[in-house]
Each structure stands twice: as structure tokens, then as C-alpha cells.
Amino acid sequence: MNEPSPQTLETVGESGNAKIVYILYLVGLVVGITSIIGVVMAYIYKGDAPNWLKDHYRWQIRTFWIGVLYSLIGLITSLILVGYLILLFVLVWYIVRCIKGLQCLDKRQPLPDSGSWLF
């Protein structure tokens, strides 16, 4: 029986933490607090990760903070009704970023543009 090498297990374990962060973000759309737990995890695991995985943690951290910013703008402008469209955009944007991150993570690849404010 072929057993995976320790290096393969280490890579799977490291990417598993990033996958948990993406899942916490998606669950955070319903529960809320899990997104905060996810961003804390991303900050913690970012330092020891290989470069391709640091890219994912950067993406996750930026997704959290940019999402907070866009949500605040949406909440403030909801007084003039435009904010509801902004909040809908933020929801779609957040989900797309998480799914895009999960897809690249499953391929063990860095994201094409982890510094992007959009998708």
C-alpha cells in the first residue's frame, strides 16, 4: 500500500487550514461570527505558510476587510436606497471570491491577482 510522503501530508494540512477559513467565511454569511474567526486564523497561519498558500491567506484577509468596507458603505447608503444594491453586490462579490479561492486552493495554485479589490 502506498503511503503519502510526509511532505505531501504537510501540504495537505497547510491547505486544509486555508480551506477551513474559506468555509468559515461562507458560513459567516449566515452565522456572522465565523468570519471573524476565519480572518484571525488567516493572520495566524499566514506567517508559516509556503508562498502559494500565503497568497491565499492574503486573499482571505483582503476579502474580509474589503467586505467590511463595502458593507459599511452599503449600510450608510441604504438610507437613500442605493445601499441595498451595494449590499447585494457585496454578497455576490464575497461568495465569488470564496469560491474562486477554493478552486485555486484545490489546484494547489496561488490566485492570479490576490491584490485585487474586485474578483
C-alpha atoms as a PDB file:
ATOM      1  CA  MET A   1       0.000   0.000   0.000  1.00  0.00           C
ATOM      2  CA  ASN A   2       1.400   3.385  -0.982  1.00  0.00           C
ATOM      3  CA  GLU A   3       1.526   5.866   1.855  1.00  0.00           C
ATOM      4  CA  PRO A   4       1.747   9.583   1.162  1.00  0.00           C
ATOM      5  CA  SER A   5       5.070  11.195   1.906  1.00  0.00           C
ATOM      6  CA  PRO A   6       5.368  13.419   4.988  1.00  0.00           C
ATOM      7  CA  GLN A   7       5.832  16.407   2.689  1.00  0.00           C
ATOM      8  CA  THR A   8       2.525  15.625   0.917  1.00  0.00           C
ATOM      9  CA  LEU A   9       0.725  15.314   4.254  1.00  0.00           C
ATOM     10  CA  GLU A  10       2.230  18.606   5.402  1.00  0.00           C
ATOM     11  CA  THR A  11       0.988  20.400   2.260  1.00  0.00           C
ATOM     12  CA  VAL A  12      -2.494  18.918   2.673  1.00  0.00           C
ATOM     13  CA  GLY A  13      -2.557  20.011   6.324  1.00  0.00           C
ATOM     14  CA  GLU A  14      -1.458  23.541   5.472  1.00  0.00           C
ATOM     15  CA  SER A  15      -4.003  23.931   2.692  1.00  0.00           C
ATOM     16  CA  GLY A  16      -6.625  22.411   4.976  1.00  0.00           C
ATOM     17  CA  ASN A  17      -6.361  25.437   7.260  1.00  0.00           C
ATOM     18  CA  ALA A  18      -6.928  27.783   4.320  1.00  0.00           C
ATOM     19  CA  LYS A  19      -9.910  25.696   3.238  1.00  0.00           C
ATOM     20  CA  ILE A  20     -11.366  25.979   6.742  1.00  0.00           C
ATOM     21  CA  VAL A  21     -11.028  29.777   6.522  1.00  0.00           C
ATOM     22  CA  TYR A  22     -12.966  29.840   3.225  1.00  0.00           C
ATOM     23  CA  ILE A  23     -15.663  27.638   4.757  1.00  0.00           C
ATOM     24  CA  LEU A  24     -15.856  29.854   7.848  1.00  0.00           C
ATOM     25  CA  TYR A  25     -16.298  32.860   5.576  1.00  0.00           C
ATOM     26  CA  LEU A  26     -19.179  31.213   3.727  1.00  0.00           C
ATOM     27  CA  VAL A  27     -20.802  30.070   6.981  1.00  0.00           C
ATOM     28  CA  GLY A  28     -20.310  33.630   8.211  1.00  0.00           C
ATOM     29  CA  LEU A  29     -22.947  34.774   5.740  1.00  0.00           C
ATOM     30  CA  VAL A  30     -25.483  33.018   7.975  1.00  0.00           C
ATOM     31  CA  VAL A  31     -23.829  32.987  11.407  1.00  0.00           C
ATOM     32  CA  GLY A  32     -21.669  36.108  11.251  1.00  0.00           C
ATOM     33  CA  ILE A  33     -19.050  35.462  13.926  1.00  0.00           C
ATOM     34  CA  THR A  34     -17.322  32.706  11.967  1.00  0.00           C
ATOM     35  CA  SER A  35     -15.921  35.254   9.505  1.00  0.00           C
ATOM     36  CA  ILE A  36     -14.056  36.924  12.363  1.00  0.00           C
ATOM     37  CA  ILE A  37     -12.685  33.552  13.450  1.00  0.00           C
ATOM     38  CA  GLY A  38     -11.635  32.941   9.825  1.00  0.00           C
ATOM     39  CA  VAL A  39      -9.710  36.196   9.477  1.00  0.00           C
ATOM     40  CA  VAL A  40      -7.928  35.573  12.790  1.00  0.00           C
ATOM     41  CA  MET A  41      -6.931  32.118  11.532  1.00  0.00           C
ATOM     42  CA  ALA A  42      -5.675  33.632   8.265  1.00  0.00           C
ATOM     43  CA  TYR A  43      -3.478  36.081  10.170  1.00  0.00           C
ATOM     44  CA  ILE A  44      -2.134  33.279  12.396  1.00  0.00           C
ATOM     45  CA  TYR A  45      -1.329  30.761   9.637  1.00  0.00           C
ATOM     46  CA  LYS A  46      -0.002  33.296   7.117  1.00  0.00           C
ATOM     47  CA  GLY A  47       3.471  33.527   8.653  1.00  0.00           C
ATOM     48  CA  ASP A  48       4.475  29.864   8.377  1.00  0.00           C
ATOM     49  CA  ALA A  49       2.841  29.081   5.033  1.00  0.00           C
ATOM     50  CA  PRO A  50       4.618  28.423   1.728  1.00  0.00           C
ATOM     51  CA  ASN A  51       4.410  31.290  -0.787  1.00  0.00           C
ATOM     52  CA  TRP A  52       1.491  29.914  -2.819  1.00  0.00           C
ATOM     53  CA  LEU A  53      -0.512  29.496   0.390  1.00  0.00           C
ATOM     54  CA  LYS A  54       0.459  32.943   1.709  1.00  0.00           C
ATOM     55  CA  ASP A  55      -1.231  34.253  -1.404  1.00  0.00           C
ATOM     56  CA  HIS A  56      -4.483  32.582  -0.292  1.00  0.00           C
ATOM     57  CA  TYR A  57      -4.212  33.977   3.210  1.00  0.00           C
ATOM     58  CA  ARG A  58      -3.610  37.448   1.755  1.00  0.00           C
ATOM     59  CA  TRP A  59      -6.705  36.990  -0.435  1.00  0.00           C
ATOM     60  CA  GLN A  60      -8.743  35.901   2.585  1.00  0.00           C
ATOM     61  CA  ILE A  61      -7.610  38.805   4.744  1.00  0.00           C
ATOM     62  CA  ARG A  62      -8.326  41.288   1.958  1.00  0.00           C
ATOM     63  CA  THR A  63     -11.727  39.666   1.313  1.00  0.00           C
ATOM     64  CA  PHE A  64     -12.679  40.173   4.955  1.00  0.00           C
ATOM     65  CA  TRP A  65     -11.575  43.799   5.270  1.00  0.00           C
ATOM     66  CA  ILE A  66     -12.756  44.940   1.843  1.00  0.00           C
ATOM     67  CA  GLY A  67     -16.063  43.189   2.535  1.00  0.00           C
ATOM     68  CA  VAL A  68     -16.390  45.104   5.799  1.00  0.00           C
ATOM     69  CA  LEU A  69     -15.675  48.372   3.969  1.00  0.00           C
ATOM     70  CA  TYR A  70     -18.160  47.660   1.149  1.00  0.00           C
ATOM     71  CA  SER A  71     -20.785  46.573   3.701  1.00  0.00           C
ATOM     72  CA  LEU A  72     -20.386  49.775   5.696  1.00  0.00           C
ATOM     73  CA  ILE A  73     -20.774  51.821   2.530  1.00  0.00           C
ATOM     74  CA  GLY A  74     -23.882  49.794   1.688  1.00  0.00           C
ATOM     75  CA  LEU A  75     -25.364  50.278   5.153  1.00  0.00           C
ATOM     76  CA  ILE A  76     -24.741  54.019   5.128  1.00  0.00           C
ATOM     77  CA  THR A  77     -26.162  54.491   1.633  1.00  0.00           C
ATOM     78  CA  SER A  78     -29.181  52.278   2.362  1.00  0.00           C
ATOM     79  CA  LEU A  79     -30.777  55.423   3.738  1.00  0.00           C
ATOM     80  CA  ILE A  80     -31.056  56.601   0.141  1.00  0.00           C
ATOM     81  CA  LEU A  81     -31.991  53.089  -1.102  1.00  0.00           C
ATOM     82  CA  VAL A  82     -28.867  52.680  -3.276  1.00  0.00           C
ATOM     83  CA  GLY A  83     -27.260  50.843  -0.390  1.00  0.00           C
ATOM     84  CA  TYR A  84     -29.461  47.800  -0.897  1.00  0.00           C
ATOM     85  CA  LEU A  85     -27.958  47.303  -4.349  1.00  0.00           C
ATOM     86  CA  ILE A  86     -24.489  47.756  -2.896  1.00  0.00           C
ATOM     87  CA  LEU A  87     -25.219  45.162  -0.181  1.00  0.00           C
ATOM     88  CA  LEU A  88     -26.456  42.722  -2.832  1.00  0.00           C
ATOM     89  CA  PHE A  89     -23.259  43.332  -4.809  1.00  0.00           C
ATOM     90  CA  VAL A  90     -21.175  42.711  -1.655  1.00  0.00           C
ATOM     91  CA  LEU A  91     -22.952  39.396  -1.074  1.00  0.00           C
ATOM     92  CA  VAL A  92     -22.285  38.184  -4.624  1.00  0.00           C
ATOM     93  CA  TRP A  93     -18.718  39.554  -4.547  1.00  0.00           C
ATOM     94  CA  TYR A  94     -17.975  37.760  -1.249  1.00  0.00           C
ATOM     95  CA  ILE A  95     -19.321  34.415  -2.462  1.00  0.00           C
ATOM     96  CA  VAL A  96     -17.445  34.657  -5.784  1.00  0.00           C
ATOM     97  CA  ARG A  97     -14.159  35.444  -4.026  1.00  0.00           C
ATOM     98  CA  CYS A  98     -14.566  32.486  -1.664  1.00  0.00           C
ATOM     99  CA  ILE A  99     -15.412  30.082  -4.484  1.00  0.00           C
ATOM    100  CA  LYS A 100     -12.569  31.379  -6.650  1.00  0.00           C
ATOM    101  CA  GLY A 101     -10.182  30.931  -3.723  1.00  0.00           C
ATOM    102  CA  LEU A 102     -11.406  27.398  -3.046  1.00  0.00           C
ATOM    103  CA  GLN A 103     -10.951  26.447  -6.704  1.00  0.00           C
ATOM    104  CA  CYS A 104      -7.359  27.687  -6.790  1.00  0.00           C
ATOM    105  CA  LEU A 105      -6.666  26.078  -3.416  1.00  0.00           C
ATOM    106  CA  ASP A 106      -7.879  22.690  -4.659  1.00  0.00           C
ATOM    107  CA  LYS A 107      -5.475  23.015  -7.609  1.00  0.00           C
ATOM    108  CA  ARG A 108      -2.669  23.992  -5.178  1.00  0.00           C
ATOM    109  CA  GLN A 109      -2.139  27.235  -7.097  1.00  0.00           C
ATOM    110  CA  PRO A 110      -1.786  30.847  -5.988  1.00  0.00           C
ATOM    111  CA  LEU A 111      -4.536  33.219  -7.013  1.00  0.00           C
ATOM    112  CA  PRO A 112      -3.989  35.109 -10.283  1.00  0.00           C
ATOM    113  CA  ASP A 113      -4.334  38.547  -8.644  1.00  0.00           C
ATOM    114  CA  SER A 114      -4.512  38.378  -4.858  1.00  0.00           C
ATOM    115  CA  GLY A 115      -4.254  42.164  -4.600  1.00  0.00           C
ATOM    116  CA  SER A 116      -7.481  42.783  -6.498  1.00  0.00           C
ATOM    117  CA  TRP A 117     -10.364  44.721  -4.979  1.00  0.00           C
ATOM    118  CA  LEU A 118     -12.902  43.021  -7.216  1.00  0.00           C
ATOM    119  CA  PHE A 119     -12.914  39.402  -8.326  1.00  0.00           C
END
